[in-house]
Amino acid sequence: MTGMSSGTGVAWWAARVRAAVEAYWAAAGARDWSAFAATLADDVVYELPQSRERILGKERYVRFNRECPGGRQVRIERIVTDGDGRQAAARTLVALGPEEAHAIHFFTFDADGRIAGVTDFWPEPYEPPAGREHLVQRY
């Protein structure tokens, strides 16, 4: 896929990727797991390098988010996309109660515009909380 395939330009691909990232965060914020799942490829890979965790597949990744305690608010500060509709990066401000932290998220997309990979970078390395071992692989 190139930025000019099918008569579409770079701006169209960038807008498509941006809309997918915005839909992903909107669905997560609303805890609308059907809408969240619709943004994901079936074989999505989610990685958290600071905690050395990886989740394989849409079902596990949706469950991981569904089981995460509620109340998290995410504000997108910036989205940067490539011209081919295959990659995006987002900087967010994440608030959980009075605590706030910036995070960087890298997204890759499949040919259908669904999210195929997400890598989240948080400010500090951390040990994962107990209770999600059934969903993740450690590396």
Protein backbone atom coordinates (compact mmCIF):
# COMPACT_ATOMS: atom_id res chain seq x y z
CA MET A 1 0.00 0.00 0.00
CA THR A 2 1.40 3.39 -0.90
CA GLY A 3 0.28 6.88 -0.05
CA MET A 4 -1.14 7.27 -3.56
CA SER A 5 -2.81 3.88 -4.09
CA SER A 6 -6.36 3.73 -5.42
CA GLY A 7 -6.33 7.42 -6.25
CA THR A 8 -6.03 8.48 -2.62
CA GLY A 9 -3.37 10.79 -1.32
CA VAL A 10 -1.23 11.05 1.76
CA ALA A 11 -3.74 13.35 3.48
CA TRP A 12 -6.48 10.72 3.12
CA TRP A 13 -4.30 7.99 4.70
CA ALA A 14 -3.20 10.31 7.50
CA ALA A 15 -6.82 11.23 8.27
CA ARG A 16 -7.85 7.56 8.26
CA VAL A 17 -5.11 6.60 10.72
CA ARG A 18 -5.81 9.63 12.93
CA ALA A 19 -9.52 8.75 13.03
CA ALA A 20 -8.70 5.15 14.02
CA VAL A 21 -6.50 6.31 16.92
CA GLU A 22 -9.16 8.78 18.07
CA ALA A 23 -11.86 6.06 17.87
CA TYR A 24 -9.64 3.69 19.88
CA TRP A 25 -9.21 6.22 22.71
CA ALA A 26 -12.84 7.35 22.62
CA ALA A 27 -14.07 3.76 22.94
CA ALA A 28 -11.58 2.99 25.72
CA GLY A 29 -12.63 6.14 27.61
CA ALA A 30 -16.31 5.27 27.26
CA ARG A 31 -15.55 1.64 28.21
CA ASP A 32 -17.44 0.66 25.05
CA TRP A 33 -15.71 -2.66 24.49
CA SER A 34 -17.57 -3.49 21.27
CA ALA A 35 -16.46 -0.22 19.68
CA PHE A 36 -12.95 -0.71 21.09
CA ALA A 37 -12.76 -4.22 19.62
CA ALA A 38 -13.90 -2.88 16.24
CA THR A 39 -10.73 -0.76 16.02
CA LEU A 40 -8.49 -3.84 16.44
CA ALA A 41 -7.20 -6.53 14.09
CA ASP A 42 -7.96 -10.07 15.27
CA ASP A 43 -4.25 -10.77 15.77
CA VAL A 44 -3.39 -7.46 17.45
CA VAL A 45 -0.19 -7.43 19.55
CA TYR A 46 -0.02 -5.15 22.59
CA GLU A 47 3.34 -4.49 24.26
CA LEU A 48 4.36 -2.73 27.46
CA PRO A 49 8.18 -2.56 27.40
CA GLN A 50 8.50 -1.07 30.91
CA SER A 51 6.75 -4.05 32.53
CA ARG A 52 7.97 -6.52 29.90
CA GLU A 53 4.43 -7.68 29.05
CA ARG A 54 2.89 -8.73 25.75
CA ILE A 55 -0.72 -9.58 24.92
CA LEU A 56 -1.56 -11.52 21.77
CA GLY A 57 -4.97 -11.30 20.12
CA LYS A 58 -8.04 -9.10 20.20
CA GLU A 59 -10.01 -11.11 22.74
CA ARG A 60 -7.23 -11.00 25.36
CA TYR A 61 -6.46 -7.33 24.71
CA VAL A 62 -10.10 -6.27 25.06
CA ARG A 63 -10.38 -8.33 28.25
CA PHE A 64 -7.17 -6.75 29.59
CA ASN A 65 -8.69 -3.29 29.14
CA ARG A 66 -12.11 -4.31 30.43
CA GLU A 67 -10.53 -5.68 33.62
CA CYS A 68 -8.45 -2.53 34.14
CA PRO A 69 -9.93 -0.40 36.91
CA GLY A 70 -12.21 2.35 35.58
CA GLY A 71 -11.84 6.06 36.07
CA ARG A 72 -8.85 6.49 33.77
CA GLN A 73 -9.13 9.62 31.63
CA VAL A 74 -7.00 9.97 28.50
CA ARG A 75 -6.48 13.24 26.67
CA ILE A 76 -4.78 13.01 23.29
CA GLU A 77 -2.19 15.75 23.02
CA ARG A 78 -0.76 14.90 19.62
CA ILE A 79 -1.06 12.30 16.87
CA VAL A 80 1.58 11.89 14.17
CA THR A 81 0.96 9.56 11.23
CA ASP A 82 2.92 8.24 8.30
CA GLY A 83 1.74 8.85 4.75
CA ASP A 84 0.91 5.22 4.00
CA GLY A 85 -1.72 4.62 6.66
CA ARG A 86 0.41 2.02 8.42
CA GLN A 87 1.77 3.78 11.51
CA ALA A 88 0.89 6.45 14.05
CA ALA A 89 2.27 7.75 17.29
CA ALA A 90 0.25 9.50 19.96
CA ARG A 91 1.24 11.46 23.02
CA THR A 92 -1.39 11.41 25.75
CA LEU A 93 -1.96 12.74 29.22
CA VAL A 94 -3.45 9.98 31.34
CA ALA A 95 -5.19 10.83 34.62
CA LEU A 96 -6.30 8.35 37.24
CA GLY A 97 -7.78 10.34 40.08
CA PRO A 98 -5.35 13.10 41.04
CA GLU A 99 -2.35 11.38 39.41
CA GLU A 100 -1.34 12.32 35.88
CA ALA A 101 1.32 10.93 33.57
CA HIS A 102 2.30 11.41 29.97
CA ALA A 103 2.54 8.36 27.77
CA ILE A 104 3.64 7.67 24.21
CA HIS A 105 1.79 5.08 22.13
CA PHE A 106 2.93 3.61 18.84
CA PHE A 107 0.32 2.05 16.56
CA THR A 108 0.65 -0.12 13.47
CA PHE A 109 -2.25 -0.86 11.14
CA ASP A 110 -3.27 -3.72 8.87
CA ALA A 111 -4.39 -3.30 5.26
CA ASP A 112 -8.00 -2.83 6.43
CA GLY A 113 -7.09 0.12 8.66
CA ARG A 114 -7.48 -1.81 11.92
CA ILE A 115 -4.91 -1.54 14.69
CA ALA A 116 -2.49 -4.47 14.39
CA GLY A 117 -0.04 -3.41 17.08
CA VAL A 118 0.14 -1.06 20.05
CA THR A 119 3.27 -0.34 22.08
CA ASP A 120 2.79 1.87 25.15
CA PHE A 121 5.65 3.71 26.82
CA TRP A 122 5.01 5.08 30.32
CA PRO A 123 7.39 7.41 32.20
CA GLU A 124 8.90 4.78 34.49
CA PRO A 125 9.51 1.03 34.41
CA TYR A 126 7.24 -0.86 36.79
CA GLU A 127 6.28 -4.32 37.89
CA PRO A 128 2.84 -5.26 36.62
CA PRO A 129 0.05 -5.43 39.15
CA ALA A 130 -1.14 -8.86 40.21
CA GLY A 131 -4.19 -10.33 38.57
CA ARG A 132 -3.45 -10.08 34.87
CA GLU A 133 -1.08 -13.03 34.51
CA HIS A 134 -3.81 -14.97 32.68
CA LEU A 135 -3.73 -12.47 29.82
CA VAL A 136 -0.07 -11.55 29.35
CA GLN A 137 3.27 -13.06 28.45
CA ARG A 138 6.34 -11.75 30.26
CA TYR A 139 9.58 -11.24 28.34
